[in-house]
């Protein structure tokens, strides 16, 4: 299965990387997982949508995602 990694930027100057299946809904899923991760670690910040706060990771082999994509299926 092909996956894609996204860096999600939050207003608390915190960025995290998540990995999701590559599909037409991958950005939405990445945002959802990132928000869940932040809230689960007691960090409450807004996603920076105005700044384009999501982008595909340029060198995915160099970035470890905070989630395990295998656990989500």
N, C-alpha and C. Protein backbone atom coordinates (compact mmCIF):
# COMPACT_ATOMS: atom_id res chain seq x y z
N UNK A 1 0.83 -1.16 0.00
CA UNK A 1 0.00 0.00 0.00
C UNK A 1 0.89 1.25 0.00
N UNK A 2 0.56 2.20 -0.83
CA UNK A 2 1.31 3.44 -0.91
C UNK A 2 0.81 4.40 0.17
N UNK A 3 1.75 5.06 0.84
CA UNK A 3 1.39 6.06 1.84
C UNK A 3 2.06 7.38 1.50
N UNK A 4 1.64 8.42 2.21
CA UNK A 4 2.21 9.75 2.03
C UNK A 4 2.38 10.35 3.42
N UNK A 5 3.44 11.13 3.59
CA UNK A 5 3.68 11.80 4.87
C UNK A 5 3.43 13.29 4.71
N UNK A 6 2.77 13.87 5.71
CA UNK A 6 2.49 15.30 5.72
C UNK A 6 3.06 15.91 6.99
N UNK A 7 3.56 17.12 6.86
CA UNK A 7 3.93 17.91 8.03
C UNK A 7 2.77 18.85 8.30
N UNK A 8 2.25 18.80 9.54
CA UNK A 8 1.13 19.63 9.94
C UNK A 8 1.67 20.69 10.90
N UNK A 9 1.46 21.96 10.58
CA UNK A 9 1.92 23.06 11.43
C UNK A 9 0.79 23.54 12.32
N UNK A 10 1.11 23.77 13.58
CA UNK A 10 0.15 24.27 14.55
C UNK A 10 0.59 25.62 15.07
N UNK A 11 -0.37 26.38 15.59
CA UNK A 11 -0.11 27.76 16.02
C UNK A 11 0.85 27.86 17.20
N UNK A 12 1.07 26.79 17.91
CA UNK A 12 2.00 26.82 19.04
C UNK A 12 3.44 26.62 18.56
N UNK A 13 3.67 26.88 17.29
CA UNK A 13 4.99 26.68 16.67
C UNK A 13 5.46 25.25 16.88
N UNK A 14 4.54 24.36 16.68
CA UNK A 14 4.80 22.93 16.80
C UNK A 14 4.41 22.29 15.49
N UNK A 15 5.29 21.49 14.94
CA UNK A 15 5.00 20.74 13.72
C UNK A 15 5.18 19.27 14.02
N UNK A 16 4.33 18.45 13.45
CA UNK A 16 4.50 17.00 13.58
C UNK A 16 4.31 16.37 12.20
N UNK A 17 4.82 15.17 12.05
CA UNK A 17 4.68 14.43 10.80
C UNK A 17 3.77 13.24 11.06
N UNK A 18 2.79 13.04 10.17
CA UNK A 18 1.94 11.86 10.21
C UNK A 18 2.01 11.17 8.85
N UNK A 19 1.73 9.88 8.86
CA UNK A 19 1.74 9.10 7.62
C UNK A 19 0.35 8.51 7.43
N UNK A 20 -0.18 8.65 6.23
CA UNK A 20 -1.53 8.16 5.93
C UNK A 20 -1.53 7.49 4.56
N UNK A 21 -2.55 6.67 4.28
CA UNK A 21 -2.66 6.09 2.95
C UNK A 21 -2.82 7.20 1.91
N UNK A 22 -2.21 7.03 0.77
CA UNK A 22 -2.27 8.02 -0.29
C UNK A 22 -3.60 7.88 -1.02
N UNK A 23 -4.48 8.86 -0.80
CA UNK A 23 -5.80 8.84 -1.44
C UNK A 23 -6.29 10.27 -1.58
N UNK A 24 -7.48 10.42 -2.14
CA UNK A 24 -8.02 11.77 -2.30
C UNK A 24 -8.37 12.40 -0.95
N UNK A 25 -8.45 11.61 0.12
CA UNK A 25 -8.77 12.12 1.45
C UNK A 25 -7.57 12.14 2.39
N UNK A 26 -6.37 11.96 1.86
CA UNK A 26 -5.19 11.83 2.72
C UNK A 26 -4.91 13.08 3.55
N UNK A 27 -5.10 14.28 2.98
CA UNK A 27 -4.85 15.49 3.77
C UNK A 27 -5.82 15.60 4.94
N UNK A 28 -7.09 15.32 4.71
CA UNK A 28 -8.08 15.39 5.79
C UNK A 28 -7.75 14.40 6.90
N UNK A 29 -7.35 13.19 6.52
CA UNK A 29 -6.98 12.17 7.51
C UNK A 29 -5.73 12.60 8.27
N UNK A 30 -4.76 13.19 7.58
CA UNK A 30 -3.53 13.64 8.22
C UNK A 30 -3.84 14.72 9.27
N UNK A 31 -4.70 15.65 8.93
CA UNK A 31 -5.08 16.72 9.87
C UNK A 31 -5.77 16.12 11.09
N UNK A 32 -6.69 15.21 10.85
CA UNK A 32 -7.42 14.56 11.94
C UNK A 32 -6.46 13.85 12.89
N UNK A 33 -5.54 13.07 12.35
CA UNK A 33 -4.57 12.34 13.18
C UNK A 33 -3.66 13.29 13.94
N UNK A 34 -3.23 14.36 13.30
CA UNK A 34 -2.35 15.32 13.95
C UNK A 34 -3.06 15.99 15.12
N UNK A 35 -4.32 16.38 14.92
CA UNK A 35 -5.07 17.01 16.01
C UNK A 35 -5.26 16.04 17.17
N UNK A 36 -5.58 14.78 16.87
CA UNK A 36 -5.73 13.77 17.92
C UNK A 36 -4.43 13.57 18.68
N UNK A 37 -3.31 13.53 17.96
CA UNK A 37 -2.02 13.35 18.60
C UNK A 37 -1.71 14.52 19.54
N UNK A 38 -1.93 15.73 19.06
CA UNK A 38 -1.64 16.91 19.87
C UNK A 38 -2.49 16.92 21.13
N UNK A 39 -3.79 16.69 20.99
CA UNK A 39 -4.69 16.69 22.14
C UNK A 39 -4.35 15.56 23.10
N UNK A 40 -3.93 14.41 22.58
CA UNK A 40 -3.56 13.28 23.42
C UNK A 40 -2.28 13.52 24.20
N UNK A 41 -1.51 14.51 23.80
CA UNK A 41 -0.27 14.86 24.50
C UNK A 41 -0.40 16.20 25.21
N UNK A 42 -1.66 16.56 25.52
CA UNK A 42 -1.96 17.78 26.27
C UNK A 42 -1.42 19.05 25.63
N UNK A 43 -1.36 19.08 24.32
CA UNK A 43 -0.99 20.30 23.60
C UNK A 43 -2.23 20.76 22.86
N UNK A 44 -2.72 21.94 23.21
CA UNK A 44 -3.91 22.45 22.57
C UNK A 44 -3.54 23.66 21.73
N UNK A 45 -3.60 23.49 20.45
CA UNK A 45 -3.23 24.55 19.52
C UNK A 45 -4.10 24.41 18.28
N UNK A 46 -4.29 25.50 17.60
CA UNK A 46 -5.08 25.48 16.38
C UNK A 46 -4.19 25.15 15.20
N UNK A 47 -4.76 24.44 14.26
CA UNK A 47 -4.07 24.16 13.01
C UNK A 47 -4.00 25.46 12.24
N UNK A 48 -2.84 25.77 11.65
CA UNK A 48 -2.62 27.04 10.95
C UNK A 48 -3.09 26.96 9.49
N UNK A 49 -4.39 26.88 9.32
CA UNK A 49 -4.93 26.76 7.98
C UNK A 49 -4.63 28.01 7.15
N UNK A 50 -4.64 29.18 7.76
CA UNK A 50 -4.39 30.41 7.02
C UNK A 50 -2.98 30.45 6.42
N UNK A 51 -2.06 29.75 7.05
CA UNK A 51 -0.68 29.73 6.57
C UNK A 51 -0.43 28.55 5.63
N UNK A 52 -1.48 27.84 5.24
CA UNK A 52 -1.28 26.64 4.42
C UNK A 52 -0.62 25.56 5.24
N UNK A 53 -1.00 25.44 6.51
CA UNK A 53 -0.33 24.62 7.51
C UNK A 53 -0.18 23.14 7.25
N UNK A 54 -0.34 22.68 6.02
CA UNK A 54 -0.11 21.27 5.70
C UNK A 54 0.64 21.18 4.38
N UNK A 55 1.66 20.36 4.38
CA UNK A 55 2.37 20.12 3.12
C UNK A 55 3.01 18.75 3.16
N UNK A 56 3.13 18.16 1.98
CA UNK A 56 3.75 16.85 1.86
C UNK A 56 5.24 16.97 2.21
N UNK A 57 5.75 15.99 2.95
CA UNK A 57 7.15 15.98 3.35
C UNK A 57 8.03 15.77 2.13
N UNK A 58 9.05 16.62 1.97
CA UNK A 58 9.92 16.54 0.79
C UNK A 58 10.81 15.30 0.80
N UNK A 59 11.36 14.95 1.94
CA UNK A 59 12.24 13.78 2.07
C UNK A 59 11.64 12.82 3.09
N UNK A 60 10.60 12.06 2.71
CA UNK A 60 9.88 11.24 3.68
C UNK A 60 10.74 10.18 4.36
N UNK A 61 11.80 9.73 3.71
CA UNK A 61 12.65 8.71 4.33
C UNK A 61 13.43 9.28 5.52
N UNK A 62 13.51 10.61 5.62
CA UNK A 62 14.24 11.24 6.72
C UNK A 62 13.33 11.70 7.86
N UNK A 63 12.03 11.45 7.76
CA UNK A 63 11.07 11.92 8.77
C UNK A 63 10.31 10.74 9.36
N UNK A 64 10.31 10.65 10.68
CA UNK A 64 9.53 9.62 11.36
C UNK A 64 8.17 10.19 11.71
N UNK A 65 7.09 9.52 11.29
CA UNK A 65 5.77 10.01 11.65
C UNK A 65 5.47 9.70 13.12
N UNK A 66 4.56 10.47 13.72
CA UNK A 66 4.18 10.24 15.11
C UNK A 66 3.17 9.11 15.23
N UNK A 67 2.62 8.66 14.11
CA UNK A 67 1.64 7.57 14.15
C UNK A 67 2.20 6.34 13.45
N UNK A 68 1.55 5.21 13.70
CA UNK A 68 1.91 3.97 13.03
C UNK A 68 0.77 3.65 12.07
N UNK A 69 1.00 3.84 10.80
CA UNK A 69 -0.07 3.70 9.81
C UNK A 69 -0.65 2.28 9.81
N UNK A 70 0.10 1.30 10.20
CA UNK A 70 -0.39 -0.09 10.22
C UNK A 70 -1.50 -0.28 11.25
N UNK A 71 -1.49 0.50 12.33
CA UNK A 71 -2.48 0.35 13.40
C UNK A 71 -3.83 0.95 13.03
N UNK A 72 -3.90 1.69 11.96
CA UNK A 72 -5.13 2.40 11.64
C UNK A 72 -6.01 1.68 10.64
N UNK A 73 -5.69 0.46 10.28
CA UNK A 73 -6.49 -0.26 9.29
C UNK A 73 -7.08 -1.50 9.89
